[in-house]
Structures are given as C-alpha cells and as structure tokens.
Amino acid sequence: MSDRNDDWDPSGDPTRGDSADDFDAPTVSCERCDRTWDLSTEFDELGVGNHAVEQFALDHKRHTGHFPDDIRTWRATCRNCPEAAERLANDAATRWAETHARHTRHEVEIRHARSDETTVVTDDESSS
C-alpha cells in the first residue's frame, strides 16, 4: 500500500514458497485482549493479501478502541484544542493535521510511536 509509512513493519506478512498454496498466513496478537489471530481467513476469503495485517489492525481498533500489539501509529495532536487523530500512515496523519490547521489556524504536532521526532503543521495562509 503506497500510503503505509516506511517504519511500519508488518512482521506477519506472508512468505510464499514455490507454489501459491505454500505460504504462512501472518498472526496478530493483542496482550490486552489476551488473544492471537491467524489471518488466513483474510487471505483466503477476504482477498486482502499483503494488506491483511493493516486491515485487521484497523478493524481491531474500530471494535476494541485499541490497536493490536506491535502496531505503531502516527499521532497528530492539536496544540490548541483536544482534537487528535491516530493513523497507520504518515501521509494520512499529515493530511488530517493540514486540514485541521487550515480550518482552525491551530498548530498540530505529528509524532510517530517509534520515534521522538515531531513535526509541527501550521496554517500557511495565516502567516501571510
């Protein structure tokens, strides 16, 4: 997926053997839920292929309010109000931050869970 950030490492991506039937579907675990899931259904029935881990992580977040273990997200947090967004891809977090800054003229800080680096997004039009 082109908008998935470069730091996100879905270690469960399948490794294919010599035949199309010879692969190991990834597994995803969640310590908070005390469960592990085999994603072979996502490969066999849903056809999401290499995006299985990402799609499962998004579905898990939607249903439980948290991401599974080992999923690191980009977080965009407004410095002026309580608005925030959590995304799997850098460009998705940046898009949210730019839109929020454009509409509110607030500064938004973007941070990745695997790094201490931050980026601040401002409304470019308010400075002109």
Protein backbone atom coordinates (compact mmCIF):
# COMPACT_ATOMS: atom_id res chain seq x y z
CA MET A 1 0.00 0.00 0.00
CA SER A 2 1.60 3.23 -1.06
CA ASP A 3 0.44 5.35 1.86
CA ARG A 4 1.66 2.97 4.56
CA ASN A 5 4.56 4.54 6.41
CA ASP A 6 8.03 3.18 5.87
CA ASP A 7 8.55 2.47 9.58
CA TRP A 8 5.55 0.19 9.92
CA ASP A 9 6.79 -3.36 9.76
CA PRO A 10 4.00 -5.91 9.47
CA SER A 11 6.26 -8.76 10.51
CA GLY A 12 3.45 -11.15 9.80
CA ASP A 13 3.40 -10.56 6.03
CA PRO A 14 3.27 -13.95 4.34
CA THR A 15 6.31 -15.59 2.89
CA ARG A 16 5.47 -17.50 -0.19
CA GLY A 17 7.05 -20.79 -1.17
CA ASP A 18 7.27 -22.37 -4.58
CA SER A 19 3.51 -22.75 -5.03
CA ALA A 20 0.66 -20.33 -4.48
CA ASP A 21 -0.75 -22.65 -1.80
CA ASP A 22 2.55 -22.73 0.10
CA PHE A 23 2.52 -19.72 2.43
CA ASP A 24 2.26 -18.89 6.09
CA ALA A 25 -0.55 -16.51 6.91
CA PRO A 26 0.52 -13.87 9.42
CA THR A 27 -0.64 -13.92 13.00
CA VAL A 28 -1.54 -10.90 15.09
CA SER A 29 -1.65 -10.83 18.87
CA CYS A 30 -3.12 -8.48 21.43
CA GLU A 31 -1.98 -8.67 25.02
CA ARG A 32 -4.89 -6.53 26.21
CA CYS A 33 -7.38 -8.97 24.68
CA ASP A 34 -5.23 -11.99 25.60
CA ARG A 35 -5.70 -13.43 22.10
CA THR A 36 -3.81 -14.30 18.94
CA TRP A 37 -5.41 -14.46 15.49
CA ASP A 38 -4.33 -16.35 12.39
CA LEU A 39 -5.10 -14.16 9.38
CA SER A 40 -5.57 -16.99 6.88
CA THR A 41 -9.27 -16.05 6.55
CA GLU A 42 -8.26 -12.56 5.41
CA PHE A 43 -6.08 -14.14 2.72
CA ASP A 44 -8.36 -16.96 1.63
CA GLU A 45 -11.86 -15.46 1.91
CA LEU A 46 -11.50 -11.70 2.03
CA GLY A 47 -8.71 -11.40 -0.52
CA VAL A 48 -6.87 -8.52 1.16
CA GLY A 49 -3.49 -10.19 0.62
CA ASN A 50 -0.49 -8.23 1.88
CA HIS A 51 -2.81 -5.65 3.44
CA ALA A 52 -4.27 -8.26 5.81
CA VAL A 53 -2.34 -7.09 8.87
CA GLU A 54 -3.14 -3.45 8.25
CA GLN A 55 -6.84 -4.15 7.64
CA PHE A 56 -7.04 -6.38 10.71
CA ALA A 57 -5.37 -3.67 12.83
CA LEU A 58 -7.88 -1.07 11.64
CA ASP A 59 -10.82 -3.41 12.29
CA HIS A 60 -9.45 -4.28 15.73
CA LYS A 61 -9.13 -0.60 16.63
CA ARG A 62 -12.66 0.09 15.40
CA HIS A 63 -14.13 -2.69 17.53
CA THR A 64 -11.97 -2.52 20.67
CA GLY A 65 -10.67 1.05 20.80
CA HIS A 66 -7.01 -0.01 20.63
CA PHE A 67 -4.56 -1.44 18.12
CA PRO A 68 -3.08 -4.96 18.43
CA ASP A 69 0.47 -5.46 19.71
CA ASP A 70 3.39 -4.29 17.55
CA ILE A 71 1.29 -1.83 15.54
CA ARG A 72 2.84 1.62 15.72
CA THR A 73 0.87 4.64 14.61
CA TRP A 74 1.37 8.24 13.65
CA ARG A 75 -0.37 10.63 16.06
CA ALA A 76 -1.47 14.14 15.16
CA THR A 77 -2.36 16.24 18.20
CA CYS A 78 -3.64 19.80 18.16
CA ARG A 79 -1.66 22.15 20.40
CA ASN A 80 -4.72 24.40 20.96
CA CYS A 81 -7.73 22.11 21.40
CA PRO A 82 -8.42 18.48 22.35
CA GLU A 83 -8.67 17.24 18.74
CA ALA A 84 -6.33 14.44 17.72
CA ALA A 85 -6.03 11.64 15.17
CA GLU A 86 -4.18 8.33 15.09
CA ARG A 87 -3.30 6.84 11.72
CA LEU A 88 -1.23 3.93 10.40
CA ALA A 89 0.34 6.02 7.64
CA ASN A 90 2.39 9.20 7.85
CA ASP A 91 0.61 10.85 4.92
CA ALA A 92 -2.80 10.15 6.47
CA ALA A 93 -1.76 11.81 9.75
CA THR A 94 -0.24 14.72 7.84
CA ARG A 95 -3.39 15.14 5.76
CA TRP A 96 -5.51 15.27 8.94
CA ALA A 97 -3.10 17.77 10.55
CA GLU A 98 -3.05 20.04 7.50
CA THR A 99 -6.84 20.01 7.25
CA HIS A 100 -7.26 20.77 10.96
CA ALA A 101 -4.68 23.58 10.81
CA ARG A 102 -6.29 25.06 7.70
CA HIS A 103 -9.77 25.14 9.23
CA THR A 104 -8.84 26.19 12.78
CA ARG A 105 -5.49 28.01 12.39
CA HIS A 106 -4.20 25.78 15.20
CA GLU A 107 -0.75 24.21 15.27
CA VAL A 108 -0.76 20.42 15.11
CA GLU A 109 2.08 18.19 16.26
CA ILE A 110 2.73 14.91 14.43
CA ARG A 111 4.63 12.16 16.24
CA HIS A 112 5.41 8.54 15.39
CA ALA A 113 5.26 5.93 18.12
CA ARG A 114 8.73 4.56 17.22
CA SER A 115 10.44 7.94 17.30
CA ASP A 116 10.82 11.00 19.48
CA GLU A 117 10.85 13.24 16.41
CA THR A 118 7.93 15.59 15.88
CA THR A 119 6.72 17.73 13.04
CA VAL A 120 4.58 20.82 13.57
CA VAL A 121 1.98 21.67 10.96
CA THR A 122 0.68 25.23 10.77
CA ASP A 123 -1.79 27.04 8.56
CA ASP A 124 0.44 28.64 5.91
CA GLU A 125 -2.24 31.16 4.95
CA SER A 126 -2.43 32.65 8.48
CA SER A 127 1.22 33.68 8.32
CA SER A 128 0.85 35.65 5.08
